[in-house]
C-alpha atoms as a PDB file:
ATOM      1  CA  UNK A   1     -18.087 -58.137 -88.206  1.00  0.00           C
ATOM      2  CA  UNK A   2     -17.456 -54.383 -88.022  1.00  0.00           C
ATOM      3  CA  UNK A   3     -21.398 -53.659 -87.939  1.00  0.00           C
ATOM      4  CA  UNK A   4     -22.163 -56.101 -85.313  1.00  0.00           C
ATOM      5  CA  UNK A   5     -19.832 -54.482 -82.976  1.00  0.00           C
ATOM      6  CA  UNK A   6     -21.570 -50.749 -83.851  1.00  0.00           C
ATOM      7  CA  UNK A   7     -25.124 -52.068 -81.986  1.00  0.00           C
ATOM      8  CA  UNK A   8     -23.773 -52.204 -78.964  1.00  0.00           C
ATOM      9  CA  UNK A   9     -21.953 -49.521 -78.821  1.00  0.00           C
ATOM     10  CA  UNK A  10     -24.750 -47.300 -80.002  1.00  0.00           C
ATOM     11  CA  UNK A  11     -26.832 -48.990 -77.309  1.00  0.00           C
ATOM     12  CA  UNK A  12     -24.218 -48.044 -74.928  1.00  0.00           C
ATOM     13  CA  UNK A  13     -24.063 -44.664 -75.737  1.00  0.00           C
ATOM     14  CA  UNK A  14     -28.007 -44.356 -75.569  1.00  0.00           C
ATOM     15  CA  UNK A  15     -28.003 -45.962 -72.752  1.00  0.00           C
ATOM     16  CA  UNK A  16     -25.503 -43.733 -70.834  1.00  0.00           C
ATOM     17  CA  UNK A  17     -27.343 -40.762 -72.299  1.00  0.00           C
ATOM     18  CA  UNK A  18     -30.384 -41.220 -70.814  1.00  0.00           C
ATOM     19  CA  UNK A  19     -28.867 -41.814 -67.147  1.00  0.00           C
ATOM     20  CA  UNK A  20     -26.996 -38.459 -67.388  1.00  0.00           C
ATOM     21  CA  UNK A  21     -29.826 -36.948 -68.785  1.00  0.00           C
ATOM     22  CA  UNK A  22     -31.933 -38.679 -66.073  1.00  0.00           C
ATOM     23  CA  UNK A  23     -29.302 -37.508 -63.332  1.00  0.00           C
ATOM     24  CA  UNK A  24     -29.807 -33.786 -64.541  1.00  0.00           C
ATOM     25  CA  UNK A  25     -33.303 -34.020 -64.216  1.00  0.00           C
ATOM     26  CA  UNK A  26     -33.770 -35.007 -60.553  1.00  0.00           C
ATOM     27  CA  UNK A  27     -30.967 -32.233 -59.770  1.00  0.00           C
ATOM     28  CA  UNK A  28     -33.534 -30.019 -60.483  1.00  0.00           C
ATOM     29  CA  UNK A  29     -36.739 -31.716 -59.049  1.00  0.00           C
ATOM     30  CA  UNK A  30     -39.240 -30.897 -56.501  1.00  0.00           C
ATOM     31  CA  UNK A  31     -38.129 -31.728 -53.052  1.00  0.00           C
ATOM     32  CA  UNK A  32     -40.829 -32.775 -50.507  1.00  0.00           C
ATOM     33  CA  UNK A  33     -39.987 -31.081 -47.210  1.00  0.00           C
ATOM     34  CA  UNK A  34     -41.545 -31.543 -43.662  1.00  0.00           C
ATOM     35  CA  UNK A  35     -41.113 -29.293 -40.277  1.00  0.00           C
ATOM     36  CA  UNK A  36     -38.075 -30.776 -39.698  1.00  0.00           C
ATOM     37  CA  UNK A  37     -36.839 -30.328 -43.253  1.00  0.00           C
ATOM     38  CA  UNK A  38     -38.184 -27.096 -44.463  1.00  0.00           C
ATOM     39  CA  UNK A  39     -35.078 -24.960 -42.472  1.00  0.00           C
ATOM     40  CA  UNK A  40     -32.435 -27.040 -43.727  1.00  0.00           C
ATOM     41  CA  UNK A  41     -34.253 -26.962 -47.265  1.00  0.00           C
ATOM     42  CA  UNK A  42     -34.294 -23.116 -46.774  1.00  0.00           C
ATOM     43  CA  UNK A  43     -30.607 -22.547 -45.350  1.00  0.00           C
ATOM     44  CA  UNK A  44     -29.493 -25.135 -48.533  1.00  0.00           C
ATOM     45  CA  UNK A  45     -31.003 -21.821 -50.806  1.00  0.00           C
ATOM     46  CA  UNK A  46     -30.228 -18.832 -49.355  1.00  0.00           C
ATOM     47  CA  UNK A  47     -30.120 -15.731 -51.680  1.00  0.00           C
ATOM     48  CA  UNK A  48     -32.091 -17.790 -54.087  1.00  0.00           C
ATOM     49  CA  UNK A  49     -36.434 -17.566 -54.519  1.00  0.00           C
ATOM     50  CA  UNK A  50     -37.980 -20.749 -53.303  1.00  0.00           C
ATOM     51  CA  UNK A  51     -41.481 -21.437 -54.442  1.00  0.00           C
ATOM     52  CA  UNK A  52     -43.293 -23.593 -51.878  1.00  0.00           C
ATOM     53  CA  UNK A  53     -46.493 -25.855 -52.273  1.00  0.00           C
ATOM     54  CA  UNK A  54     -49.014 -26.252 -48.959  1.00  0.00           C
ATOM     55  CA  UNK A  55     -51.160 -29.603 -50.032  1.00  0.00           C
ATOM     56  CA  UNK A  56     -53.431 -31.991 -48.756  1.00  0.00           C
ATOM     57  CA  UNK A  57     -53.013 -35.403 -50.624  1.00  0.00           C
ATOM     58  CA  UNK A  58     -57.019 -35.627 -50.346  1.00  0.00           C
ATOM     59  CA  UNK A  59     -57.568 -32.595 -51.781  1.00  0.00           C
ATOM     60  CA  UNK A  60     -58.772 -32.467 -55.872  1.00  0.00           C
ATOM     61  CA  UNK A  61     -57.579 -28.923 -56.399  1.00  0.00           C
ATOM     62  CA  UNK A  62     -53.756 -29.736 -55.303  1.00  0.00           C
ATOM     63  CA  UNK A  63     -54.201 -33.301 -57.500  1.00  0.00           C
ATOM     64  CA  UNK A  64     -54.567 -31.363 -59.996  1.00  0.00           C
ATOM     65  CA  UNK A  65     -52.048 -29.108 -59.590  1.00  0.00           C
ATOM     66  CA  UNK A  66     -49.047 -31.837 -58.594  1.00  0.00           C
ATOM     67  CA  UNK A  67     -48.141 -32.482 -62.613  1.00  0.00           C
ATOM     68  CA  UNK A  68     -47.803 -28.959 -63.312  1.00  0.00           C
ATOM     69  CA  UNK A  69     -46.210 -27.879 -60.379  1.00  0.00           C
ATOM     70  CA  UNK A  70     -43.722 -30.728 -61.366  1.00  0.00           C
ATOM     71  CA  UNK A  71     -42.687 -29.357 -64.459  1.00  0.00           C
ATOM     72  CA  UNK A  72     -42.020 -25.691 -62.783  1.00  0.00           C
ATOM     73  CA  UNK A  73     -38.486 -26.560 -62.202  1.00  0.00           C
ATOM     74  CA  UNK A  74     -37.660 -27.145 -65.996  1.00  0.00           C
ATOM     75  CA  UNK A  75     -39.389 -23.517 -66.529  1.00  0.00           C
ATOM     76  CA  UNK A  76     -38.096 -21.638 -63.433  1.00  0.00           C
ATOM     77  CA  UNK A  77     -34.294 -22.913 -63.417  1.00  0.00           C
ATOM     78  CA  UNK A  78     -32.574 -19.956 -61.228  1.00  0.00           C
ATOM     79  CA  UNK A  79     -35.743 -20.670 -58.483  1.00  0.00           C
ATOM     80  CA  UNK A  80     -35.488 -23.468 -55.804  1.00  0.00           C
ATOM     81  CA  UNK A  81     -38.959 -25.746 -55.549  1.00  0.00           C
ATOM     82  CA  UNK A  82     -40.759 -27.519 -52.486  1.00  0.00           C
ATOM     83  CA  UNK A  83     -43.807 -28.884 -51.595  1.00  0.00           C
ATOM     84  CA  UNK A  84     -45.215 -29.955 -48.109  1.00  0.00           C
ATOM     85  CA  UNK A  85     -48.017 -31.973 -46.543  1.00  0.00           C
ATOM     86  CA  UNK A  86     -50.012 -29.353 -44.834  1.00  0.00           C
ATOM     87  CA  UNK A  87     -52.270 -31.934 -43.323  1.00  0.00           C
ATOM     88  CA  UNK A  88     -49.507 -33.453 -41.014  1.00  0.00           C
ATOM     89  CA  UNK A  89     -50.112 -31.331 -37.923  1.00  0.00           C
ATOM     90  CA  UNK A  90     -46.385 -30.322 -37.330  1.00  0.00           C
ATOM     91  CA  UNK A  91     -45.966 -29.336 -40.930  1.00  0.00           C
ATOM     92  CA  UNK A  92     -49.316 -27.210 -40.755  1.00  0.00           C
ATOM     93  CA  UNK A  93     -47.995 -25.404 -37.779  1.00  0.00           C
ATOM     94  CA  UNK A  94     -44.504 -24.799 -39.246  1.00  0.00           C
ATOM     95  CA  UNK A  95     -46.226 -23.408 -42.434  1.00  0.00           C
ATOM     96  CA  UNK A  96     -48.386 -21.123 -39.935  1.00  0.00           C
ATOM     97  CA  UNK A  97     -44.617 -19.670 -38.775  1.00  0.00           C
ATOM     98  CA  UNK A  98     -44.319 -18.702 -42.096  1.00  0.00           C
ATOM     99  CA  UNK A  99     -47.239 -16.500 -43.050  1.00  0.00           C
ATOM    100  CA  UNK A 100     -51.150 -16.748 -42.735  1.00  0.00           C
ATOM    101  CA  UNK A 101     -52.679 -19.310 -45.319  1.00  0.00           C
ATOM    102  CA  UNK A 102     -56.337 -20.812 -45.393  1.00  0.00           C
ATOM    103  CA  UNK A 103     -56.756 -23.404 -47.686  1.00  0.00           C
ATOM    104  CA  UNK A 104     -54.890 -26.353 -49.958  1.00  0.00           C
ATOM    105  CA  UNK A 105     -53.228 -25.481 -52.175  1.00  0.00           C
ATOM    106  CA  UNK A 106     -51.373 -22.664 -51.174  1.00  0.00           C
ATOM    107  CA  UNK A 107     -48.665 -21.547 -53.313  1.00  0.00           C
ATOM    108  CA  UNK A 108     -45.867 -19.313 -51.751  1.00  0.00           C
ATOM    109  CA  UNK A 109     -42.953 -17.613 -52.901  1.00  0.00           C
ATOM    110  CA  UNK A 110     -40.105 -16.828 -50.293  1.00  0.00           C
ATOM    111  CA  UNK A 111     -37.682 -14.435 -51.978  1.00  0.00           C
ATOM    112  CA  UNK A 112     -34.362 -14.990 -51.285  1.00  0.00           C
ATOM    113  CA  UNK A 113     -35.118 -18.043 -49.274  1.00  0.00           C
ATOM    114  CA  UNK A 114     -36.342 -16.362 -46.559  1.00  0.00           C
ATOM    115  CA  UNK A 115     -38.652 -17.731 -43.888  1.00  0.00           C
ATOM    116  CA  UNK A 116     -40.486 -14.589 -43.366  1.00  0.00           C
ATOM    117  CA  UNK A 117     -42.778 -12.576 -45.630  1.00  0.00           C
ATOM    118  CA  UNK A 118     -44.221 -15.298 -48.010  1.00  0.00           C
ATOM    119  CA  UNK A 119     -45.931 -13.858 -51.217  1.00  0.00           C
ATOM    120  CA  UNK A 120     -48.738 -16.266 -51.966  1.00  0.00           C
ATOM    121  CA  UNK A 121     -49.219 -17.334 -56.094  1.00  0.00           C
ATOM    122  CA  UNK A 122     -52.602 -16.022 -56.681  1.00  0.00           C
ATOM    123  CA  UNK A 123     -52.713 -16.938 -60.414  1.00  0.00           C
ATOM    124  CA  UNK A 124     -53.663 -19.588 -62.777  1.00  0.00           C
ATOM    125  CA  UNK A 125     -53.089 -23.030 -61.109  1.00  0.00           C
ATOM    126  CA  UNK A 126     -53.851 -24.660 -64.445  1.00  0.00           C
ATOM    127  CA  UNK A 127     -50.616 -24.466 -66.425  1.00  0.00           C
ATOM    128  CA  UNK A 128     -46.896 -24.492 -65.122  1.00  0.00           C
ATOM    129  CA  UNK A 129     -46.547 -21.715 -67.642  1.00  0.00           C
ATOM    130  CA  UNK A 130     -48.611 -19.563 -65.999  1.00  0.00           C
ATOM    131  CA  UNK A 131     -46.750 -19.930 -62.886  1.00  0.00           C
ATOM    132  CA  UNK A 132     -43.625 -19.694 -64.740  1.00  0.00           C
ATOM    133  CA  UNK A 133     -44.557 -16.319 -65.951  1.00  0.00           C
ATOM    134  CA  UNK A 134     -45.513 -15.353 -62.535  1.00  0.00           C
ATOM    135  CA  UNK A 135     -41.987 -16.457 -60.861  1.00  0.00           C
ATOM    136  CA  UNK A 136     -39.958 -14.625 -63.670  1.00  0.00           C
ATOM    137  CA  UNK A 137     -42.113 -11.656 -63.564  1.00  0.00           C
ATOM    138  CA  UNK A 138     -38.736  -9.583 -61.710  1.00  0.00           C
ATOM    139  CA  UNK A 139     -37.406  -9.303 -58.257  1.00  0.00           C
ATOM    140  CA  UNK A 140     -39.041  -5.744 -58.721  1.00  0.00           C
ATOM    141  CA  UNK A 141     -42.374  -6.712 -58.111  1.00  0.00           C
ATOM    142  CA  UNK A 142     -41.569  -9.138 -55.563  1.00  0.00           C
ATOM    143  CA  UNK A 143     -40.170  -6.967 -53.373  1.00  0.00           C
ATOM    144  CA  UNK A 144     -43.407  -4.526 -54.236  1.00  0.00           C
ATOM    145  CA  UNK A 145     -45.679  -7.301 -52.822  1.00  0.00           C
ATOM    146  CA  UNK A 146     -43.981  -8.095 -49.973  1.00  0.00           C
ATOM    147  CA  UNK A 147     -43.905  -4.299 -49.127  1.00  0.00           C
ATOM    148  CA  UNK A 148     -47.674  -4.599 -49.077  1.00  0.00           C
ATOM    149  CA  UNK A 149     -47.978  -1.845 -51.731  1.00  0.00           C
ATOM    150  CA  UNK A 150     -49.344  -4.142 -54.283  1.00  0.00           C
ATOM    151  CA  UNK A 151     -52.466  -6.219 -52.899  1.00  0.00           C
ATOM    152  CA  UNK A 152     -53.606  -9.177 -55.159  1.00  0.00           C
ATOM    153  CA  UNK A 153     -56.563 -11.088 -54.217  1.00  0.00           C
ATOM    154  CA  UNK A 154     -57.071 -14.731 -55.601  1.00  0.00           C
ATOM    155  CA  UNK A 155     -58.747 -14.909 -59.390  1.00  0.00           C
ATOM    156  CA  UNK A 156     -62.611 -15.930 -58.761  1.00  0.00           C
ATOM    157  CA  UNK A 157     -61.766 -18.931 -60.893  1.00  0.00           C
ATOM    158  CA  UNK A 158     -59.249 -20.489 -58.385  1.00  0.00           C
ATOM    159  CA  UNK A 159     -60.282 -23.171 -56.119  1.00  0.00           C
ATOM    160  CA  UNK A 160     -58.983 -24.041 -52.919  1.00  0.00           C
ATOM    161  CA  UNK A 161     -60.118 -27.087 -50.146  1.00  0.00           C
ATOM    162  CA  UNK A 162     -60.629 -25.287 -46.855  1.00  0.00           C
ATOM    163  CA  UNK A 163     -58.202 -25.476 -44.599  1.00  0.00           C
ATOM    164  CA  UNK A 164     -59.674 -27.839 -41.377  1.00  0.00           C
ATOM    165  CA  UNK A 165     -59.783 -25.387 -37.896  1.00  0.00           C
END
């Protein structure tokens, strides 16, 4: 009789733990933003770096990046993550107001959540760890890049789908 009472309690405990962990995972998820919601997202994360993925749903490079981008919040908890479908005209226009971009995916760091002076990620897109390593590189490097003292070029092995004109 005593053993049969333990099993339901154990199941309830495990289910409760799963619900708690599922709830905490969603708190650090990548948020999908639009031209309308991007300013609110940036305002909500003022003072915090924001990493933005400009993607196209049909782009093969974006599709390969997507699962790695979704893993980033767990690896770089001090950064807010968002993605925006830049094939939607209003979203592309919002991206144009932030900075110059030419293809999909484009990954931008907005230091301190500011809507000006994005720093384009030019490293390896193949793993979340590569991107997280770049993100944890330090605020001094980000400031140097934003000031134009450091010029980064996209490595030859990285591919982008061209942005339609």
